[in-house]
Amino acid sequence: MSITASEFTTSYARVDKIPVDRRPEFAFIGRSNVGKSSLLNMLTSRKELAKTSGRPGKTQLINYFLINGSWNMTDLPGYGYAVQSKKTRSKWETRTTNYFTKREQLTCAMVLIDSNVPPQKIDLEFVNWLGELGVPFVLVFTKTDRKKARGLTQVEAFKKKLLEQWEELPPVFLTSAVKQDGREELLALIEKTLLGMDWPYAETT
């Protein structure tokens, strides 16, 4: 897939305020500071499409990016950042739950996992929750260029931990925003998914 046009459209604080739109949505979510904005920028080849920040928990709304005029990347608030107030975290959790349980346009969730850290309980719980909901998703391991990720020890540890409850692993992608690793593979997945759908925008991909 070639991304020829990408633009930020708008942000929403509540799922019920998002307009009904037949365009498919690919949602990106992960723990705060997992490298979500960097990944979105890498996929679209635009350095500042999604704003990056050294301060975890900056994304507090559901941000929409229109791609090729035909489908959306949805940037969801990160989870698991304890410095935020309980009230703020509760709003994020409600927003995320509503999105995954009510947004019919959701086509696939990209769950971002930091390849440099041991398996985190919150990541495992979130993945299992998506599985219980029956939401289509893939695992996207980020920052594989960093020293701690060499050998992908933590990636294998996460997969092993997940297999304690799963008979088969979801699709796994290894990415590095710095080296552009995984870009073509993720875009190929999106293209394959779109072409397999019965929707009016497929001819524009």
N, C-alpha and C. Protein backbone atom coordinates (compact mmCIF):
# COMPACT_ATOMS: atom_id res chain seq x y z
N MET A 1 0.83 -1.20 0.00
CA MET A 1 0.00 0.00 0.00
C MET A 1 0.87 1.25 0.00
N SER A 2 0.47 2.23 -0.76
CA SER A 2 1.14 3.51 -0.78
C SER A 2 0.23 4.56 -0.16
N ILE A 3 0.71 5.24 0.87
CA ILE A 3 -0.06 6.32 1.47
C ILE A 3 0.31 7.62 0.77
N THR A 4 -0.62 8.16 0.02
CA THR A 4 -0.38 9.36 -0.76
C THR A 4 -0.97 10.60 -0.12
N ALA A 5 -1.87 10.42 0.83
CA ALA A 5 -2.49 11.56 1.50
C ALA A 5 -2.83 11.18 2.93
N SER A 6 -2.48 12.02 3.87
CA SER A 6 -2.81 11.78 5.27
C SER A 6 -3.00 13.12 5.96
N GLU A 7 -4.04 13.21 6.76
CA GLU A 7 -4.31 14.47 7.44
C GLU A 7 -5.05 14.24 8.75
N PHE A 8 -4.71 15.06 9.74
CA PHE A 8 -5.47 15.05 10.98
C PHE A 8 -6.80 15.72 10.70
N THR A 9 -7.89 15.08 11.13
CA THR A 9 -9.21 15.67 10.89
C THR A 9 -9.78 16.32 12.14
N THR A 10 -9.93 15.55 13.21
CA THR A 10 -10.47 16.13 14.43
C THR A 10 -10.28 15.17 15.61
N SER A 11 -10.60 15.64 16.79
CA SER A 11 -10.52 14.84 18.01
C SER A 11 -11.87 14.80 18.69
N TYR A 12 -12.10 13.72 19.44
CA TYR A 12 -13.37 13.56 20.14
C TYR A 12 -13.12 13.14 21.58
N ALA A 13 -13.91 13.71 22.47
CA ALA A 13 -13.82 13.36 23.88
C ALA A 13 -14.76 12.22 24.24
N ARG A 14 -15.79 12.03 23.41
CA ARG A 14 -16.77 10.97 23.67
C ARG A 14 -17.06 10.22 22.39
N VAL A 15 -17.20 8.91 22.52
CA VAL A 15 -17.46 8.06 21.36
C VAL A 15 -18.80 8.38 20.72
N ASP A 16 -19.79 8.71 21.54
CA ASP A 16 -21.11 8.97 20.98
C ASP A 16 -21.18 10.29 20.21
N LYS A 17 -20.10 11.07 20.25
CA LYS A 17 -20.04 12.31 19.49
C LYS A 17 -19.34 12.13 18.14
N ILE A 18 -18.75 10.95 17.91
CA ILE A 18 -18.08 10.69 16.65
C ILE A 18 -19.13 10.44 15.58
N PRO A 19 -19.09 11.15 14.47
CA PRO A 19 -20.10 10.98 13.42
C PRO A 19 -20.10 9.56 12.86
N VAL A 20 -21.26 9.14 12.41
CA VAL A 20 -21.35 7.86 11.71
C VAL A 20 -20.63 8.01 10.38
N ASP A 21 -19.74 7.08 10.08
CA ASP A 21 -18.92 7.17 8.88
C ASP A 21 -18.65 5.75 8.41
N ARG A 22 -18.84 5.49 7.14
CA ARG A 22 -18.65 4.13 6.64
C ARG A 22 -17.18 3.78 6.45
N ARG A 23 -16.31 4.76 6.58
CA ARG A 23 -14.89 4.48 6.40
C ARG A 23 -14.37 3.55 7.49
N PRO A 24 -13.63 2.53 7.12
CA PRO A 24 -13.03 1.61 8.12
C PRO A 24 -12.04 2.35 9.01
N GLU A 25 -11.92 1.87 10.24
CA GLU A 25 -11.01 2.48 11.20
C GLU A 25 -10.02 1.45 11.73
N PHE A 26 -8.76 1.82 11.72
CA PHE A 26 -7.69 1.01 12.30
C PHE A 26 -7.22 1.76 13.54
N ALA A 27 -7.48 1.18 14.70
CA ALA A 27 -7.21 1.85 15.97
C ALA A 27 -5.82 1.48 16.49
N PHE A 28 -5.11 2.48 16.99
CA PHE A 28 -3.78 2.29 17.55
C PHE A 28 -3.82 2.62 19.04
N ILE A 29 -3.38 1.66 19.85
CA ILE A 29 -3.46 1.84 21.29
C ILE A 29 -2.33 1.07 21.97
N GLY A 30 -1.92 1.56 23.13
CA GLY A 30 -0.88 0.88 23.90
C GLY A 30 -0.63 1.64 25.18
N ARG A 31 0.29 1.14 25.98
CA ARG A 31 0.64 1.86 27.20
C ARG A 31 1.23 3.22 26.84
N SER A 32 1.09 4.18 27.74
CA SER A 32 1.68 5.49 27.52
C SER A 32 3.18 5.37 27.31
N ASN A 33 3.70 6.16 26.39
CA ASN A 33 5.13 6.19 26.06
C ASN A 33 5.60 4.95 25.32
N VAL A 34 4.69 4.27 24.63
CA VAL A 34 5.06 3.06 23.89
C VAL A 34 5.59 3.40 22.50
N GLY A 35 5.44 4.67 22.08
CA GLY A 35 5.93 5.07 20.77
C GLY A 35 4.84 5.11 19.72
N LYS A 36 3.61 5.38 20.16
CA LYS A 36 2.47 5.35 19.25
C LYS A 36 2.54 6.45 18.19
N SER A 37 2.80 7.67 18.61
CA SER A 37 2.86 8.78 17.66
C SER A 37 3.99 8.57 16.65
N SER A 38 5.11 8.09 17.12
CA SER A 38 6.24 7.84 16.22
C SER A 38 5.89 6.79 15.19
N LEU A 39 5.14 5.78 15.60
CA LEU A 39 4.73 4.73 14.66
C LEU A 39 3.77 5.28 13.61
N LEU A 40 2.80 6.10 14.05
CA LEU A 40 1.86 6.69 13.10
C LEU A 40 2.59 7.57 12.09
N ASN A 41 3.56 8.34 12.56
CA ASN A 41 4.33 9.19 11.67
C ASN A 41 5.16 8.36 10.68
N MET A 42 5.69 7.25 11.16
CA MET A 42 6.47 6.38 10.28
C MET A 42 5.58 5.78 9.18
N LEU A 43 4.41 5.32 9.55
CA LEU A 43 3.53 4.68 8.58
C LEU A 43 3.09 5.66 7.49
N THR A 44 2.89 6.91 7.87
CA THR A 44 2.42 7.90 6.91
C THR A 44 3.56 8.68 6.26
N SER A 45 4.78 8.42 6.71
CA SER A 45 5.96 9.15 6.21
C SER A 45 5.83 10.66 6.43
N ARG A 46 5.24 11.02 7.56
CA ARG A 46 5.12 12.43 7.94
C ARG A 46 5.61 12.59 9.37
N LYS A 47 6.66 13.36 9.55
CA LYS A 47 7.33 13.45 10.84
C LYS A 47 6.48 14.06 11.94
N GLU A 48 5.55 14.93 11.59
CA GLU A 48 4.78 15.62 12.63
C GLU A 48 3.27 15.49 12.44
N LEU A 49 2.84 14.42 11.79
CA LEU A 49 1.39 14.22 11.64
C LEU A 49 0.77 14.02 13.02
N ALA A 50 1.34 13.09 13.78
CA ALA A 50 0.91 12.88 15.17
C ALA A 50 1.97 13.50 16.07
N LYS A 51 1.55 14.28 17.02
CA LYS A 51 2.48 15.00 17.88
C LYS A 51 3.12 14.05 18.88
N THR A 52 4.46 14.01 18.87
CA THR A 52 5.19 13.19 19.82
C THR A 52 5.53 14.04 21.05
N SER A 53 5.70 13.35 22.17
CA SER A 53 6.01 14.07 23.41
C SER A 53 6.80 13.17 24.34
N GLY A 54 7.69 13.78 25.10
CA GLY A 54 8.43 13.03 26.10
C GLY A 54 7.62 12.83 27.36
N ARG A 55 6.44 13.44 27.40
CA ARG A 55 5.59 13.33 28.59
C ARG A 55 4.51 12.29 28.35
N PRO A 56 4.61 11.13 29.03
CA PRO A 56 3.60 10.09 28.83
C PRO A 56 2.21 10.58 29.21
N GLY A 57 1.20 10.04 28.51
CA GLY A 57 -0.17 10.38 28.85
C GLY A 57 -0.67 11.65 28.20
N LYS A 58 0.06 12.16 27.20
CA LYS A 58 -0.35 13.42 26.57
C LYS A 58 -1.63 13.26 25.76
N THR A 59 -1.76 12.15 25.04
CA THR A 59 -2.97 11.92 24.23
C THR A 59 -4.14 11.64 25.16
N GLN A 60 -5.11 12.55 25.18
CA GLN A 60 -6.25 12.39 26.07
C GLN A 60 -7.57 12.28 25.32
N LEU A 61 -7.53 12.46 24.01
CA LEU A 61 -8.73 12.38 23.19
C LEU A 61 -8.57 11.29 22.15
N ILE A 62 -9.66 11.00 21.45
CA ILE A 62 -9.60 10.07 20.32
C ILE A 62 -9.31 10.90 19.08
N ASN A 63 -8.13 10.73 18.52
CA ASN A 63 -7.70 11.54 17.38
C ASN A 63 -7.87 10.77 16.07
N TYR A 64 -8.41 11.46 15.08
CA TYR A 64 -8.68 10.84 13.79
C TYR A 64 -7.76 11.39 12.70
N PHE A 65 -7.21 10.47 11.91
CA PHE A 65 -6.38 10.82 10.77
C PHE A 65 -6.95 10.13 9.53
N LEU A 66 -7.31 10.92 8.54
CA LEU A 66 -7.88 10.39 7.31
C LEU A 66 -6.75 10.02 6.35
N ILE A 67 -6.75 8.79 5.88
CA ILE A 67 -5.69 8.27 5.03
C ILE A 67 -6.22 8.01 3.62
N ASN A 68 -5.53 8.55 2.62
CA ASN A 68 -5.91 8.38 1.21
C ASN A 68 -7.37 8.73 0.95
N GLY A 69 -7.94 9.53 1.82
CA GLY A 69 -9.33 9.94 1.66
C GLY A 69 -10.33 8.82 1.81
N SER A 70 -9.88 7.66 2.32
CA SER A 70 -10.78 6.50 2.29
C SER A 70 -10.86 5.69 3.57
N TRP A 71 -9.88 5.81 4.46
CA TRP A 71 -9.97 5.08 5.73
C TRP A 71 -9.27 5.89 6.82
N ASN A 72 -9.56 5.53 8.07
CA ASN A 72 -9.06 6.31 9.20
C ASN A 72 -8.08 5.54 10.08
N MET A 73 -7.05 6.25 10.50
CA MET A 73 -6.23 5.80 11.62
C MET A 73 -6.80 6.48 12.85
N THR A 74 -7.07 5.70 13.89
CA THR A 74 -7.62 6.25 15.12
C THR A 74 -6.59 6.13 16.23
N ASP A 75 -6.19 7.26 16.76
CA ASP A 75 -5.18 7.32 17.81
C ASP A 75 -5.90 7.42 19.15
N LEU A 76 -5.84 6.33 19.93
CA LEU A 76 -6.55 6.28 21.21
C LEU A 76 -5.62 6.63 22.37
N PRO A 77 -6.17 7.16 23.47
CA PRO A 77 -5.34 7.50 24.63
C PRO A 77 -4.59 6.28 25.15
N GLY A 78 -3.35 6.51 25.58
CA GLY A 78 -2.57 5.42 26.15
C GLY A 78 -3.12 5.02 27.51
N TYR A 79 -2.80 3.82 27.92
CA TYR A 79 -3.28 3.37 29.23
C TYR A 79 -2.09 3.05 30.14
N GLY A 80 -2.37 3.03 31.43
CA GLY A 80 -1.36 2.58 32.37
C GLY A 80 -0.41 3.63 32.88
N TYR A 81 -0.74 4.93 32.76
CA TYR A 81 0.15 5.95 33.28
C TYR A 81 -0.37 6.43 34.62
N ALA A 82 0.25 5.99 35.70
CA ALA A 82 -0.27 6.15 37.05
C ALA A 82 -0.24 7.60 37.56
N VAL A 83 0.58 8.48 36.96
CA VAL A 83 0.68 9.85 37.46
C VAL A 83 -0.61 10.62 37.24
N GLN A 84 -1.37 10.26 36.22
CA GLN A 84 -2.64 10.94 36.00
C GLN A 84 -3.61 10.65 37.16
N SER A 85 -4.49 11.59 37.41
CA SER A 85 -5.44 11.43 38.50
C SER A 85 -6.38 10.26 38.22
N LYS A 86 -6.95 9.72 39.27
CA LYS A 86 -7.90 8.61 39.13
C LYS A 86 -9.09 9.03 38.28
N LYS A 87 -9.53 10.29 38.44
CA LYS A 87 -10.67 10.78 37.67
C LYS A 87 -10.34 10.81 36.18
N THR A 88 -9.13 11.26 35.84
CA THR A 88 -8.71 11.32 34.44
C THR A 88 -8.57 9.92 33.86
N ARG A 89 -7.95 9.03 34.62
CA ARG A 89 -7.77 7.65 34.14
C ARG A 89 -9.12 6.98 33.93
N SER A 90 -10.07 7.27 34.81
CA SER A 90 -11.40 6.69 34.68
C SER A 90 -12.07 7.14 33.39
N LYS A 91 -11.89 8.42 33.03
CA LYS A 91 -12.46 8.94 31.79
C LYS A 91 -11.85 8.23 30.58
N TRP A 92 -10.53 8.06 30.63
CA TRP A 92 -9.85 7.38 29.53
C TRP A 92 -10.36 5.96 29.38
N GLU A 93 -10.48 5.26 30.51
CA GLU A 93 -10.92 3.87 30.48
C GLU A 93 -12.33 3.75 29.93
N THR A 94 -13.21 4.66 30.34
CA THR A 94 -14.58 4.66 29.82
C THR A 94 -14.59 4.92 28.32
N ARG A 95 -13.78 5.89 27.90
CA ARG A 95 -13.69 6.24 26.48
C ARG A 95 -13.21 5.05 25.66
N THR A 96 -12.18 4.38 26.16
CA THR A 96 -11.62 3.23 25.45
C THR A 96 -12.62 2.09 25.39
N THR A 97 -13.27 1.81 26.51
CA THR A 97 -14.27 0.75 26.55
C THR A 97 -15.40 1.02 25.56
N ASN A 98 -15.88 2.24 25.56
CA ASN A 98 -16.97 2.61 24.65
C ASN A 98 -16.55 2.48 23.20
N TYR A 99 -15.32 2.85 22.91
CA TYR A 99 -14.86 2.76 21.53
C TYR A 99 -14.84 1.31 21.06
N PHE A 100 -14.26 0.44 21.85
CA PHE A 100 -14.12 -0.95 21.41
C PHE A 100 -15.42 -1.74 21.48
N THR A 101 -16.36 -1.30 22.27
CA THR A 101 -17.62 -2.04 22.37
C THR A 101 -18.74 -1.46 21.50
N LYS A 102 -18.59 -0.18 21.07
CA LYS A 102 -19.69 0.47 20.37
C LYS A 102 -19.36 0.98 18.97
N ARG A 103 -18.10 1.13 18.65
CA ARG A 103 -17.75 1.73 17.36
C ARG A 103 -17.77 0.68 16.26
N GLU A 104 -18.83 0.67 15.47
CA GLU A 104 -19.01 -0.35 14.44
C GLU A 104 -17.99 -0.25 13.31
N GLN A 105 -17.42 0.92 13.12
CA GLN A 105 -16.46 1.12 12.03
C GLN A 105 -15.09 0.53 12.34
N LEU A 106 -14.85 0.15 13.59
CA LEU A 106 -13.57 -0.43 13.96
C LEU A 106 -13.31 -1.70 13.15
N THR A 107 -12.22 -1.70 12.44
CA THR A 107 -11.87 -2.82 11.57
C THR A 107 -10.79 -3.70 12.16
N CYS A 108 -9.80 -3.07 12.78
CA CYS A 108 -8.71 -3.83 13.40
C CYS A 108 -8.01 -2.93 14.41
N ALA A 109 -7.62 -3.50 15.53
CA ALA A 109 -6.88 -2.76 16.55
C ALA A 109 -5.40 -3.14 16.48
N MET A 110 -4.55 -2.14 16.49
CA MET A 110 -3.11 -2.35 16.55
C MET A 110 -2.69 -2.13 18.00
N VAL A 111 -2.38 -3.19 18.71
CA VAL A 111 -2.00 -3.08 20.12
C VAL A 111 -0.48 -2.98 20.20
N LEU A 112 0.01 -1.83 20.63
CA LEU A 112 1.44 -1.58 20.67
C LEU A 112 2.04 -2.05 21.99
N ILE A 113 3.14 -2.78 21.89
CA ILE A 113 3.85 -3.32 23.05
C ILE A 113 5.32 -2.92 22.96
N ASP A 114 5.89 -2.40 24.03
CA ASP A 114 7.30 -2.02 24.06
C ASP A 114 8.16 -3.28 24.11
N SER A 115 8.99 -3.47 23.10
CA SER A 115 9.81 -4.68 23.01
C SER A 115 10.98 -4.70 23.98
N ASN A 116 11.16 -3.61 24.74
CA ASN A 116 12.31 -3.51 25.63
C ASN A 116 12.01 -3.86 27.08
N VAL A 117 10.75 -4.11 27.40
CA VAL A 117 10.38 -4.35 28.79
C VAL A 117 9.77 -5.74 28.95
N PRO A 118 9.89 -6.33 30.14
CA PRO A 118 9.26 -7.63 30.38
C PRO A 118 7.74 -7.54 30.22
N PRO A 119 7.07 -8.67 30.03
CA PRO A 119 5.61 -8.65 29.88
C PRO A 119 4.94 -7.91 31.02
N GLN A 120 4.10 -6.96 30.67
CA GLN A 120 3.40 -6.16 31.66
C GLN A 120 1.98 -6.68 31.86
N LYS A 121 1.56 -6.75 33.10
CA LYS A 121 0.23 -7.27 33.43
C LYS A 121 -0.87 -6.49 32.70
N ILE A 122 -0.72 -5.17 32.64
CA ILE A 122 -1.77 -4.36 32.03
C ILE A 122 -1.89 -4.63 30.53
N ASP A 123 -0.75 -4.90 29.86
CA ASP A 123 -0.80 -5.25 28.44
C ASP A 123 -1.48 -6.59 28.23
N LEU A 124 -1.12 -7.56 29.04
CA LEU A 124 -1.71 -8.89 28.92
C LEU A 124 -3.22 -8.84 29.19
N GLU A 125 -3.60 -8.09 30.21
CA GLU A 125 -5.03 -7.97 30.53
C GLU A 125 -5.80 -7.30 29.40
N PHE A 126 -5.19 -6.27 28.79
CA PHE A 126 -5.87 -5.58 27.70
C PHE A 126 -6.04 -6.49 26.49
N VAL A 127 -5.00 -7.23 26.15
CA VAL A 127 -5.07 -8.16 25.02
C VAL A 127 -6.13 -9.23 25.27
N ASN A 128 -6.16 -9.76 26.48
CA ASN A 128 -7.17 -10.77 26.81
C ASN A 128 -8.58 -10.20 26.76
N TRP A 129 -8.71 -8.95 27.16
CA TRP A 129 -10.02 -8.28 27.11
C TRP A 129 -10.50 -8.13 25.67
N LEU A 130 -9.61 -7.74 24.77
CA LEU A 130 -9.98 -7.63 23.36
C LEU A 130 -10.40 -8.99 22.81
N GLY A 131 -9.68 -10.02 23.24
CA GLY A 131 -10.03 -11.37 22.81
C GLY A 131 -11.41 -11.78 23.27
N GLU A 132 -11.74 -11.43 24.50
CA GLU A 132 -13.07 -11.75 25.03
C GLU A 132 -14.17 -11.02 24.27
N LEU A 133 -13.86 -9.78 23.83
CA LEU A 133 -14.83 -9.00 23.07
C LEU A 133 -14.96 -9.48 21.63
N GLY A 134 -13.96 -10.22 21.17
CA GLY A 134 -13.96 -10.67 19.78
C GLY A 134 -13.51 -9.59 18.80
N VAL A 135 -12.73 -8.62 19.31
CA VAL A 135 -12.24 -7.54 18.46
C VAL A 135 -11.03 -8.02 17.66
N PRO A 136 -11.02 -7.87 16.35
CA PRO A 136 -9.85 -8.24 15.55
C PRO A 136 -8.67 -7.34 15.94
N PHE A 137 -7.52 -7.94 16.21
CA PHE A 137 -6.37 -7.13 16.58
C PHE A 137 -5.07 -7.83 16.23
N VAL A 138 -3.99 -7.05 16.19
CA VAL A 138 -2.65 -7.59 15.99
C VAL A 138 -1.75 -6.98 17.06
N LEU A 139 -0.64 -7.65 17.33
CA LEU A 139 0.35 -7.13 18.27
C LEU A 139 1.46 -6.45 17.49
N VAL A 140 1.77 -5.22 17.88
CA VAL A 140 2.81 -4.45 17.21
C VAL A 140 3.88 -4.11 18.24
N PHE A 141 5.01 -4.80 18.18
CA PHE A 141 6.09 -4.53 19.12
C PHE A 141 6.92 -3.36 18.60
N THR A 142 7.14 -2.37 19.46
CA THR A 142 7.82 -1.14 19.06
C THR A 142 9.24 -1.07 19.59
N LYS A 143 10.01 -0.12 19.06
CA LYS A 143 11.36 0.20 19.53
C LYS A 143 12.31 -0.99 19.46
N THR A 144 12.20 -1.79 18.41
CA THR A 144 13.06 -2.98 18.31
C THR A 144 14.50 -2.63 17.97
N ASP A 145 14.77 -1.36 17.67
CA ASP A 145 16.14 -0.95 17.36
C ASP A 145 16.96 -0.73 18.62
N ARG A 146 16.32 -0.60 19.76
CA ARG A 146 17.03 -0.28 20.99
C ARG A 146 17.81 -1.49 21.53
N LYS A 147 18.84 -1.19 22.30
CA LYS A 147 19.76 -2.21 22.77
C LYS A 147 19.07 -3.31 23.56
N LYS A 148 18.12 -2.94 24.42
CA LYS A 148 17.45 -3.93 25.26
C LYS A 148 16.60 -4.89 24.44
N ALA A 149 16.24 -4.47 23.23
CA ALA A 149 15.39 -5.32 22.39
C ALA A 149 16.20 -6.30 21.55
N ARG A 150 17.51 -6.18 21.57
CA ARG A 150 18.35 -7.07 20.77
C ARG A 150 18.09 -8.52 21.18
N GLY A 151 17.85 -9.34 20.18
CA GLY A 151 17.53 -10.73 20.48
C GLY A 151 16.05 -10.95 20.74
N LEU A 152 15.32 -9.82 20.93
CA LEU A 152 13.86 -9.85 21.12
C LEU A 152 13.45 -10.79 22.25
N THR A 153 14.23 -10.81 23.30
CA THR A 153 13.95 -11.67 24.45
C THR A 153 12.59 -11.37 25.06
N GLN A 154 12.29 -10.09 25.23
CA GLN A 154 11.02 -9.72 25.86
C GLN A 154 9.82 -10.00 24.96
N VAL A 155 10.04 -9.93 23.65
CA VAL A 155 8.97 -10.28 22.71
C VAL A 155 8.60 -11.74 22.87
N GLU A 156 9.61 -12.60 22.92
CA GLU A 156 9.35 -14.02 23.10
C GLU A 156 8.73 -14.31 24.45
N ALA A 157 9.14 -13.56 25.47
CA ALA A 157 8.57 -13.74 26.80
C ALA A 157 7.09 -13.37 26.81
N PHE A 158 6.75 -12.30 26.10
CA PHE A 158 5.35 -11.88 26.03
C PHE A 158 4.51 -12.92 25.31
N LYS A 159 5.02 -13.41 24.21
CA LYS A 159 4.29 -14.43 23.44
C LYS A 159 4.09 -15.69 24.28
N LYS A 160 5.12 -16.08 25.01
CA LYS A 160 5.03 -17.27 25.86
C LYS A 160 3.98 -17.07 26.96
N LYS A 161 3.97 -15.88 27.54
CA LYS A 161 3.00 -15.57 28.59
C LYS A 161 1.58 -15.60 28.04
N LEU A 162 1.41 -15.07 26.84
CA LEU A 162 0.09 -15.03 26.23
C LEU A 162 -0.42 -16.43 25.91
N LEU A 163 0.49 -17.31 25.54
CA LEU A 163 0.09 -18.68 25.20
C LEU A 163 -0.37 -19.50 26.41
N GLU A 164 -0.21 -18.94 27.59
CA GLU A 164 -0.74 -19.61 28.78
C GLU A 164 -2.27 -19.59 28.76
N GLN A 165 -2.85 -18.63 28.00
CA GLN A 165 -4.31 -18.54 27.92
C GLN A 165 -4.84 -18.65 26.49
N TRP A 166 -3.97 -18.46 25.52
CA TRP A 166 -4.38 -18.50 24.12
C TRP A 166 -3.88 -19.77 23.45
N GLU A 167 -4.73 -20.37 22.63
CA GLU A 167 -4.30 -21.55 21.88
C GLU A 167 -3.43 -21.15 20.68
N GLU A 168 -3.70 -19.98 20.15
CA GLU A 168 -2.96 -19.49 18.99
C GLU A 168 -2.73 -17.99 19.14
N LEU A 169 -1.53 -17.54 18.79
CA LEU A 169 -1.21 -16.13 18.93
C LEU A 169 -1.84 -15.30 17.81
N PRO A 170 -2.20 -14.06 18.11
CA PRO A 170 -2.63 -13.14 17.04
C PRO A 170 -1.42 -12.79 16.19
N PRO A 171 -1.62 -12.20 15.03
CA PRO A 171 -0.49 -11.77 14.19
C PRO A 171 0.45 -10.85 14.97
N VAL A 172 1.75 -11.02 14.75
CA VAL A 172 2.77 -10.24 15.46
C VAL A 172 3.62 -9.47 14.45
N PHE A 173 3.87 -8.19 14.75
CA PHE A 173 4.70 -7.35 13.90
C PHE A 173 5.80 -6.71 14.74
N LEU A 174 7.00 -6.66 14.20
CA LEU A 174 8.15 -6.04 14.86
C LEU A 174 8.46 -4.73 14.15
N THR A 175 8.49 -3.63 14.92
CA THR A 175 8.65 -2.33 14.28
C THR A 175 9.71 -1.47 14.96
N SER A 176 10.27 -0.58 14.18
CA SER A 176 11.18 0.45 14.68
C SER A 176 10.90 1.72 13.88
N ALA A 177 10.44 2.76 14.56
CA ALA A 177 10.18 4.02 13.88
C ALA A 177 11.48 4.64 13.39
N VAL A 178 12.57 4.36 14.08
CA VAL A 178 13.88 4.91 13.70
C VAL A 178 14.38 4.29 12.40
N LYS A 179 14.27 2.97 12.30
CA LYS A 179 14.80 2.27 11.13
C LYS A 179 13.74 1.95 10.08
N GLN A 180 12.51 2.35 10.34
CA GLN A 180 11.40 2.09 9.42
C GLN A 180 11.04 0.60 9.33
N ASP A 181 11.50 -0.18 10.26
CA ASP A 181 11.22 -1.62 10.26
C ASP A 181 9.73 -1.87 10.50
N GLY A 182 9.17 -2.80 9.76
CA GLY A 182 7.78 -3.20 9.96
C GLY A 182 6.77 -2.36 9.21
N ARG A 183 7.22 -1.29 8.59
CA ARG A 183 6.29 -0.38 7.90
C ARG A 183 5.56 -1.09 6.76
N GLU A 184 6.31 -1.70 5.88
CA GLU A 184 5.70 -2.35 4.72
C GLU A 184 4.78 -3.49 5.14
N GLU A 185 5.18 -4.21 6.17
CA GLU A 185 4.38 -5.35 6.63
C GLU A 185 3.03 -4.88 7.19
N LEU A 186 3.04 -3.81 7.99
CA LEU A 186 1.79 -3.30 8.55
C LEU A 186 0.88 -2.72 7.47
N LEU A 187 1.46 -1.98 6.55
CA LEU A 187 0.66 -1.42 5.46
C LEU A 187 0.09 -2.51 4.57
N ALA A 188 0.85 -3.59 4.40
CA ALA A 188 0.34 -4.72 3.60
C ALA A 188 -0.85 -5.37 4.29
N LEU A 189 -0.77 -5.48 5.63
CA LEU A 189 -1.91 -6.03 6.38
C LEU A 189 -3.15 -5.16 6.21
N ILE A 190 -2.96 -3.84 6.33
CA ILE A 190 -4.09 -2.92 6.19
C ILE A 190 -4.68 -3.03 4.79
N GLU A 191 -3.83 -3.06 3.77
CA GLU A 191 -4.30 -3.16 2.40
C GLU A 191 -5.07 -4.46 2.18
N LYS A 192 -4.54 -5.56 2.67
CA LYS A 192 -5.20 -6.85 2.51
C LYS A 192 -6.56 -6.85 3.19
N THR A 193 -6.62 -6.24 4.38
CA THR A 193 -7.88 -6.16 5.11
C THR A 193 -8.91 -5.33 4.35
N LEU A 194 -8.48 -4.20 3.82
CA LEU A 194 -9.40 -3.32 3.09
C LEU A 194 -9.92 -3.98 1.81
N LEU A 195 -9.02 -4.63 1.10
CA LEU A 195 -9.43 -5.26 -0.16
C LEU A 195 -10.38 -6.43 0.06
N GLY A 196 -10.36 -6.99 1.27
CA GLY A 196 -11.24 -8.11 1.56
C GLY A 196 -12.59 -7.69 2.09
N MET A 197 -12.81 -6.38 2.19
CA MET A 197 -14.07 -5.87 2.72
C MET A 197 -15.02 -5.46 1.62
N ASP A 198 -16.30 -5.52 1.92
CA ASP A 198 -17.34 -5.07 1.00
C ASP A 198 -17.68 -3.63 1.37
N TRP A 199 -16.90 -2.70 0.83
CA TRP A 199 -17.12 -1.30 1.17
C TRP A 199 -16.81 -0.44 -0.05
N PRO A 200 -17.38 0.75 -0.14
CA PRO A 200 -17.31 1.55 -1.37
C PRO A 200 -15.99 2.24 -1.62
N TYR A 201 -15.04 2.17 -0.65
CA TYR A 201 -13.80 2.91 -0.83
C TYR A 201 -12.64 2.05 -1.28
N ALA A 202 -12.85 0.75 -1.43
CA ALA A 202 -11.76 -0.18 -1.74
C ALA A 202 -11.02 0.19 -3.03
N GLU A 203 -11.73 0.74 -4.00
CA GLU A 203 -11.10 1.04 -5.26
C GLU A 203 -10.09 2.18 -5.16
N THR A 204 -10.11 2.93 -4.06
CA THR A 204 -9.20 4.07 -3.94
C THR A 204 -7.93 3.71 -3.21
N THR A 205 -7.79 2.50 -2.68
CA THR A 205 -6.59 2.14 -1.94
C THR A 205 -5.46 1.78 -2.87
